[in-house]
Amino acid sequence: MKDDQMWMIRAGKKATYIQQFIDDEYVAMGWDIDLPNLELADKETISQLLKETYSTASSGTIGNWASQIVRFVNQVEKGDAVCTYDSNNRVYYLGSVQSDVEVQQHELKWKRAVKWDYKLARDNLPIETRNSLGAISTMFLIQSPAVIDMREQQQGIDEEVVVRPVGDAEVASITSQAELFYEEASAKSAEIVEDLIANLKWDELQELVAEILQAMGYRTRVAGPGPDRGVDVFASPDGLGLEEPRIFVEVKHRPGTAMGSPEIRSFLGGRQVGDRCLYVSTGGFTKDARYEAERSTIPLTLIGLPYLRELLTQHYENLGPKGTTLVPLQKIYLPA
């Protein structure tokens, strides 16, 4: 390994095993699979074992896990620089690998002995370096200049960690980084939620639309299989259509295929005064379709995938179990 490289190996989720790592001088990782021959463990073999054990995990997740196992088992060598992070105290510990891979009876079954020599406060590192160390992977390779920054701040393992004061310029930098992170995270989250919606089956999408309307306070009926005469979901305050507004919904689940003016005219053909209409299309709408909707005498709202995602997230907390099962999401807090 080069002098300006260092392995980061986390001590389990939320640094659960950090005290064991430091007190017993080792690093470890593990999944619930058995590797008959550690030296011959390649990514393909490991991936297959992971698939058999974690059948619900995505192929991307399996590949990521397998890559980390290969690194730990086959790429780490004696003498390599290594670090781990105590998130509770915001302290990094730095050391060097002292052994080959050993198998232990533990949740983190593969371990390597480590001699811990130094530690440093995360708050003493430059903002850019802190960000580079924020990867969620259990294990990854830290490159220069982050390693150089860490070496410059390291203290003896038994020394008391001293955190330097934070200046106004650094506070401003942190705020700027938080704003950028929020924008990036929000954009990425929106893309993933839209991917989840786009991957639903046609009947599941109808159910999701009905669930959103229910979360907004309406009672709904979803059309069954077969000809629906242009109405996939019906909603009204009482669910019977005796109270207004009576909402008629057409749902077209054709990603990549925009709905045009003929589809809009066909949908509106059976509507009457007093009706309210929604047209949901995961493939979006053509310019002519939007013009047709604008000139319609029957109130009509066109809902493409981005708008549907907005409605879903806006009313998600009021969704029933069926809706949250179709698109499982959880709330997280981001820097404002």
Protein backbone atom coordinates (compact mmCIF):
# COMPACT_ATOMS: atom_id res chain seq x y z
CA MET A 1 0.00 0.00 0.00
CA LYS A 2 1.16 3.54 -0.72
CA ASP A 3 2.07 5.84 2.16
CA ASP A 4 -0.80 8.18 1.27
CA GLN A 5 -3.47 5.47 1.45
CA MET A 6 -5.35 4.04 4.43
CA TRP A 7 -8.18 1.53 4.92
CA MET A 8 -11.30 2.72 6.73
CA ILE A 9 -13.06 -0.17 8.50
CA ARG A 10 -16.14 0.72 10.53
CA ALA A 11 -16.92 -0.92 13.85
CA GLY A 12 -20.40 -2.14 12.94
CA LYS A 13 -23.53 -0.04 12.64
CA LYS A 14 -23.37 3.12 14.76
CA ALA A 15 -19.87 2.05 15.89
CA THR A 16 -21.40 -0.69 18.05
CA TYR A 17 -18.11 -2.56 18.45
CA ILE A 18 -15.72 0.40 18.66
CA GLN A 19 -14.64 -0.32 22.22
CA GLN A 20 -13.89 -3.95 21.35
CA PHE A 21 -11.90 -2.84 18.32
CA ILE A 22 -9.74 -0.53 20.45
CA ASP A 23 -9.44 -2.59 23.67
CA ASP A 24 -8.80 -5.93 21.94
CA GLU A 25 -6.79 -4.37 19.10
CA TYR A 26 -8.44 -5.61 15.93
CA VAL A 27 -10.76 -4.70 13.07
CA ALA A 28 -13.45 -7.01 11.75
CA MET A 29 -16.38 -7.34 9.39
CA GLY A 30 -18.80 -10.07 8.47
CA TRP A 31 -21.98 -11.28 6.88
CA ASP A 32 -23.83 -14.49 7.64
CA ILE A 33 -22.02 -16.63 5.06
CA ASP A 34 -19.27 -19.24 5.32
CA LEU A 35 -16.18 -19.04 3.13
CA PRO A 36 -14.66 -22.56 2.92
CA ASN A 37 -11.32 -21.21 1.70
CA LEU A 38 -10.57 -17.58 2.48
CA GLU A 39 -7.56 -17.42 0.16
CA LEU A 40 -9.62 -18.57 -2.84
CA ALA A 41 -12.66 -16.38 -2.14
CA ASP A 42 -13.37 -14.36 -5.28
CA LYS A 43 -16.14 -11.83 -5.86
CA GLU A 44 -18.28 -14.21 -7.95
CA THR A 45 -18.21 -16.95 -5.31
CA ILE A 46 -18.93 -14.51 -2.50
CA SER A 47 -21.76 -12.87 -4.45
CA GLN A 48 -23.45 -16.23 -4.97
CA LEU A 49 -23.23 -17.06 -1.25
CA LEU A 50 -24.65 -13.64 -0.37
CA LYS A 51 -27.54 -14.08 -2.83
CA GLU A 52 -28.44 -17.41 -1.26
CA THR A 53 -28.47 -15.93 2.25
CA TYR A 54 -29.88 -12.46 1.52
CA SER A 55 -32.40 -13.27 -1.21
CA THR A 56 -34.26 -9.94 -0.92
CA ALA A 57 -31.14 -7.77 -1.34
CA SER A 58 -30.69 -6.01 -4.69
CA SER A 59 -27.93 -7.01 -7.10
CA GLY A 60 -26.23 -3.65 -6.49
CA THR A 61 -26.20 -4.22 -2.74
CA ILE A 62 -24.89 -7.76 -3.17
CA GLY A 63 -22.10 -6.50 -5.44
CA ASN A 64 -21.14 -3.79 -2.95
CA TRP A 65 -20.99 -6.26 -0.06
CA ALA A 66 -18.98 -8.76 -2.09
CA SER A 67 -16.44 -6.08 -3.07
CA GLN A 68 -15.91 -5.12 0.56
CA ILE A 69 -15.40 -8.74 1.62
CA VAL A 70 -12.87 -9.30 -1.19
CA ARG A 71 -10.93 -6.22 -0.09
CA PHE A 72 -10.85 -7.27 3.55
CA VAL A 73 -9.96 -10.92 2.87
CA ASN A 74 -7.65 -10.67 -0.14
CA GLN A 75 -6.38 -7.10 -0.55
CA VAL A 76 -5.51 -5.92 2.94
CA GLU A 77 -1.94 -6.85 3.90
CA LYS A 78 0.15 -6.84 7.05
CA GLY A 79 1.56 -3.38 7.67
CA ASP A 80 -1.27 -1.56 5.85
CA ALA A 81 -2.47 1.62 7.50
CA VAL A 82 -5.99 1.32 8.89
CA CYS A 83 -8.44 3.51 10.77
CA THR A 84 -11.83 3.23 12.42
CA TYR A 85 -14.27 5.83 13.71
CA ASP A 86 -15.94 6.33 17.08
CA SER A 87 -19.05 8.31 16.09
CA ASN A 88 -20.06 8.75 19.73
CA ASN A 89 -16.91 10.74 20.59
CA ARG A 90 -16.12 11.97 17.05
CA VAL A 91 -12.66 10.43 17.20
CA TYR A 92 -10.71 8.50 14.54
CA TYR A 93 -8.26 5.80 15.61
CA LEU A 94 -5.25 5.09 13.38
CA GLY A 95 -3.07 1.99 13.36
CA SER A 96 -1.51 -0.74 11.25
CA VAL A 97 -2.63 -4.27 10.35
CA GLN A 98 -0.69 -6.98 12.20
CA SER A 99 -2.16 -10.29 10.99
CA ASP A 100 -3.79 -12.27 8.22
CA VAL A 101 -7.53 -12.93 8.32
CA GLU A 102 -8.80 -14.95 11.25
CA VAL A 103 -12.28 -16.40 11.80
CA GLN A 104 -14.02 -15.72 15.11
CA GLN A 105 -17.36 -16.70 16.66
CA HIS A 106 -18.88 -13.26 16.40
CA GLU A 107 -21.33 -11.27 14.29
CA LEU A 108 -18.25 -9.77 12.63
CA LYS A 109 -16.64 -13.11 11.87
CA TRP A 110 -13.53 -12.10 9.89
CA LYS A 111 -10.93 -10.16 11.86
CA ARG A 112 -7.40 -8.85 11.59
CA ALA A 113 -5.18 -7.82 14.49
CA VAL A 114 -4.30 -4.12 14.60
CA LYS A 115 -1.81 -2.05 16.58
CA TRP A 116 -3.51 1.25 17.39
CA ASP A 117 -0.95 4.07 17.52
CA TYR A 118 -2.81 7.34 17.10
CA LYS A 119 -6.15 9.09 17.36
CA LEU A 120 -7.51 12.43 16.22
CA ALA A 121 -10.62 14.58 16.53
CA ARG A 122 -12.89 14.70 13.51
CA ASP A 123 -13.59 18.37 14.27
CA ASN A 124 -9.92 19.23 13.66
CA LEU A 125 -10.02 18.05 10.05
CA PRO A 126 -10.79 20.33 7.08
CA ILE A 127 -14.41 20.28 5.86
CA GLU A 128 -13.46 18.61 2.56
CA THR A 129 -11.68 15.79 4.38
CA ARG A 130 -14.61 15.20 6.73
CA ASN A 131 -16.90 14.91 3.72
CA SER A 132 -14.60 12.40 2.02
CA LEU A 133 -14.68 10.23 5.14
CA GLY A 134 -18.47 10.17 5.24
CA ALA A 135 -19.00 7.17 2.90
CA ILE A 136 -21.54 4.73 4.29
CA SER A 137 -19.60 1.63 3.23
CA THR A 138 -18.31 -0.64 5.96
CA MET A 139 -14.88 -0.52 4.34
CA PHE A 140 -13.23 1.75 1.79
CA LEU A 141 -9.81 3.08 0.84
CA ILE A 142 -8.96 6.62 1.95
CA GLN A 143 -6.72 8.47 -0.49
CA SER A 144 -4.41 11.47 -0.27
CA PRO A 145 -4.88 14.35 0.60
CA ALA A 146 -7.33 13.11 3.27
CA VAL A 147 -4.66 10.76 4.69
CA ILE A 148 -2.16 13.62 4.85
CA ASP A 149 -4.70 15.78 6.70
CA MET A 150 -5.31 12.97 9.19
CA ARG A 151 -1.59 12.44 9.77
CA GLU A 152 -1.11 16.13 10.46
CA GLN A 153 -3.77 16.05 13.21
CA GLN A 154 -2.92 12.70 14.80
CA GLN A 155 -2.01 12.46 18.49
CA GLY A 156 -0.67 9.63 20.62
CA ILE A 157 -3.20 6.94 21.44
CA ASP A 158 -3.04 7.77 25.16
CA GLU A 159 -3.11 11.55 24.78
CA GLU A 160 -6.19 13.60 25.52
CA VAL A 161 -7.85 14.78 22.33
CA VAL A 162 -7.90 18.56 22.08
CA VAL A 163 -10.45 20.11 19.70
CA ARG A 164 -9.45 23.45 18.23
CA PRO A 165 -11.93 26.37 18.25
CA VAL A 166 -14.14 26.78 15.19
CA GLY A 167 -13.88 30.14 13.42
CA ASP A 168 -16.60 32.10 11.66
CA ALA A 169 -15.21 31.21 8.24
CA GLU A 170 -15.46 27.50 9.03
CA VAL A 171 -19.02 27.86 10.31
CA ALA A 172 -19.92 29.59 7.04
CA SER A 173 -18.22 26.78 5.09
CA ILE A 174 -20.15 24.14 7.03
CA THR A 175 -23.42 25.97 6.30
CA SER A 176 -22.55 26.16 2.60
CA GLN A 177 -21.70 22.44 2.54
CA ALA A 178 -25.00 21.65 4.29
CA GLU A 179 -26.95 23.57 1.67
CA LEU A 180 -25.17 21.76 -1.16
CA PHE A 181 -25.68 18.40 0.53
CA TYR A 182 -29.38 19.10 0.98
CA GLU A 183 -29.80 19.97 -2.69
CA GLU A 184 -27.93 16.87 -3.85
CA ALA A 185 -29.68 14.55 -1.40
CA SER A 186 -33.11 15.95 -2.27
CA ALA A 187 -32.52 15.52 -5.99
CA LYS A 188 -31.22 11.97 -5.56
CA SER A 189 -34.09 11.04 -3.26
CA ALA A 190 -36.63 12.35 -5.78
CA GLU A 191 -35.07 10.23 -8.53
CA ILE A 192 -35.15 7.07 -6.41
CA VAL A 193 -38.78 7.58 -5.34
CA GLU A 194 -39.77 8.10 -8.96
CA ASP A 195 -37.89 4.92 -9.90
CA LEU A 196 -39.85 3.02 -7.24
CA ILE A 197 -43.14 4.32 -8.62
CA ALA A 198 -42.14 3.59 -12.23
CA ASN A 199 -41.33 -0.01 -11.31
CA LEU A 200 -44.80 -0.72 -9.92
CA LYS A 201 -47.17 -2.94 -11.89
CA TRP A 202 -50.11 -1.21 -13.61
CA ASP A 203 -52.64 -2.37 -11.02
CA GLU A 204 -50.31 -1.40 -8.17
CA LEU A 205 -50.04 2.10 -9.59
CA GLN A 206 -53.84 2.39 -9.60
CA GLU A 207 -53.87 1.31 -5.96
CA LEU A 208 -51.18 3.87 -5.12
CA VAL A 209 -53.18 6.69 -6.73
CA ALA A 210 -56.25 5.60 -4.76
CA GLU A 211 -54.20 5.51 -1.56
CA ILE A 212 -52.96 9.06 -2.14
CA LEU A 213 -56.52 10.30 -2.67
CA GLN A 214 -57.61 8.53 0.51
CA ALA A 215 -54.76 10.21 2.37
CA MET A 216 -56.13 13.52 1.08
CA GLY A 217 -59.50 12.76 2.67
CA TYR A 218 -61.49 11.08 -0.13
CA ARG A 219 -63.08 7.67 -0.34
CA THR A 220 -62.13 5.70 -3.42
CA ARG A 221 -63.05 2.80 -5.66
CA VAL A 222 -60.52 1.12 -7.94
CA ALA A 223 -61.69 -0.47 -11.20
CA GLY A 224 -61.11 -4.18 -11.54
CA PRO A 225 -59.51 -5.93 -14.53
CA GLY A 226 -61.18 -5.50 -17.91
CA PRO A 227 -62.77 -2.55 -19.74
CA ASP A 228 -63.11 0.44 -17.41
CA ARG A 229 -64.60 2.99 -19.83
CA GLY A 230 -61.76 5.38 -19.03
CA VAL A 231 -62.15 5.37 -15.24
CA ASP A 232 -59.49 3.53 -13.25
CA VAL A 233 -60.14 5.20 -9.90
CA PHE A 234 -63.22 7.02 -8.64
CA ALA A 235 -63.13 9.29 -5.59
CA SER A 236 -65.61 11.44 -3.71
CA PRO A 237 -66.17 12.57 -0.11
CA ASP A 238 -68.71 9.79 0.54
CA GLY A 239 -67.31 7.23 -1.91
CA LEU A 240 -70.70 6.93 -3.61
CA GLY A 241 -70.59 9.99 -5.81
CA LEU A 242 -73.59 11.59 -4.10
CA GLU A 243 -71.40 14.34 -2.68
CA GLU A 244 -69.18 16.60 -4.73
CA PRO A 245 -66.53 16.72 -5.90
CA ARG A 246 -66.85 13.55 -7.97
CA ILE A 247 -63.31 12.77 -9.15
CA PHE A 248 -62.67 10.47 -12.13
CA VAL A 249 -59.12 9.24 -12.59
CA GLU A 250 -57.45 7.66 -15.60
CA VAL A 251 -54.11 5.96 -14.86
CA LYS A 252 -51.72 5.15 -17.72
CA HIS A 253 -48.59 3.31 -16.65
CA ARG A 254 -46.42 3.54 -19.76
CA PRO A 255 -42.96 4.93 -18.85
CA GLY A 256 -41.37 6.45 -21.93
CA THR A 257 -44.69 6.92 -23.76
CA ALA A 258 -46.24 10.38 -23.47
CA MET A 259 -50.02 10.65 -23.64
CA GLY A 260 -51.34 12.86 -26.46
CA SER A 261 -54.44 14.90 -27.16
CA PRO A 262 -56.46 11.90 -28.54
CA GLU A 263 -56.13 10.12 -25.18
CA ILE A 264 -57.21 13.25 -23.33
CA ARG A 265 -60.26 13.78 -25.59
CA SER A 266 -61.24 10.13 -25.23
CA PHE A 267 -61.07 10.36 -21.43
CA LEU A 268 -63.12 13.55 -21.29
CA GLY A 269 -65.74 12.24 -23.70
CA GLY A 270 -67.86 10.59 -21.04
CA ARG A 271 -67.62 13.32 -18.42
CA GLN A 272 -70.32 15.82 -17.51
CA VAL A 273 -70.76 19.13 -15.72
CA GLY A 274 -69.78 18.81 -12.06
CA ASP A 275 -67.18 16.11 -12.66
CA ARG A 276 -63.55 16.65 -11.72
CA CYS A 277 -60.86 14.71 -13.57
CA LEU A 278 -57.30 13.55 -13.05
CA TYR A 279 -55.15 11.96 -15.72
CA VAL A 280 -52.07 10.18 -14.36
CA SER A 281 -49.33 9.21 -16.82
CA THR A 282 -45.92 7.86 -15.82
CA GLY A 283 -44.77 8.63 -19.36
CA GLY A 284 -45.77 12.27 -19.18
CA PHE A 285 -47.81 14.27 -21.69
CA THR A 286 -47.27 15.87 -25.08
CA LYS A 287 -47.62 19.61 -25.66
CA ASP A 288 -50.89 18.99 -27.47
CA ALA A 289 -52.22 17.00 -24.54
CA ARG A 290 -51.49 19.87 -22.17
CA TYR A 291 -53.22 22.29 -24.53
CA GLU A 292 -56.24 19.96 -24.69
CA ALA A 293 -56.42 19.90 -20.90
CA GLU A 294 -56.18 23.68 -20.61
CA ARG A 295 -59.06 24.30 -23.05
CA SER A 296 -61.31 21.63 -21.54
CA THR A 297 -64.63 22.78 -20.05
CA ILE A 298 -64.39 19.90 -17.57
CA PRO A 299 -61.76 20.64 -14.86
CA LEU A 300 -58.81 18.35 -15.60
CA THR A 301 -55.42 18.06 -13.89
CA LEU A 302 -52.57 16.22 -15.61
CA ILE A 303 -50.27 14.34 -13.24
CA GLY A 304 -46.91 13.14 -14.51
CA LEU A 305 -44.39 11.12 -12.54
CA PRO A 306 -42.68 14.09 -10.78
CA TYR A 307 -46.03 15.55 -9.64
CA LEU A 308 -47.23 12.11 -8.52
CA ARG A 309 -44.04 11.75 -6.45
CA GLU A 310 -44.68 15.16 -4.87
CA LEU A 311 -48.23 14.17 -3.93
CA LEU A 312 -46.99 10.88 -2.50
CA THR A 313 -44.33 12.44 -0.27
CA GLN A 314 -46.61 15.33 0.74
CA HIS A 315 -49.34 12.98 2.01
CA TYR A 316 -47.18 9.96 2.90
CA GLU A 317 -47.75 10.19 6.65
CA ASN A 318 -51.52 9.74 6.10
CA LEU A 319 -51.17 6.74 3.77
CA GLY A 320 -52.59 3.40 4.87
CA PRO A 321 -50.56 0.17 5.15
CA LYS A 322 -51.26 -0.75 1.52
CA GLY A 323 -49.79 2.52 0.22
CA THR A 324 -46.67 2.42 2.39
CA THR A 325 -46.08 -1.17 1.33
CA LEU A 326 -46.23 -0.25 -2.35
CA VAL A 327 -43.60 2.49 -1.93
CA PRO A 328 -41.78 2.09 1.41
CA LEU A 329 -40.19 5.35 2.54
CA GLN A 330 -38.83 6.65 5.80
CA LYS A 331 -38.29 10.15 7.14
CA ILE A 332 -34.75 11.41 7.62
CA TYR A 333 -33.49 14.75 8.82
CA LEU A 334 -31.06 16.72 6.63
CA PRO A 335 -29.11 19.87 7.48
CA ALA A 336 -31.27 22.93 6.76
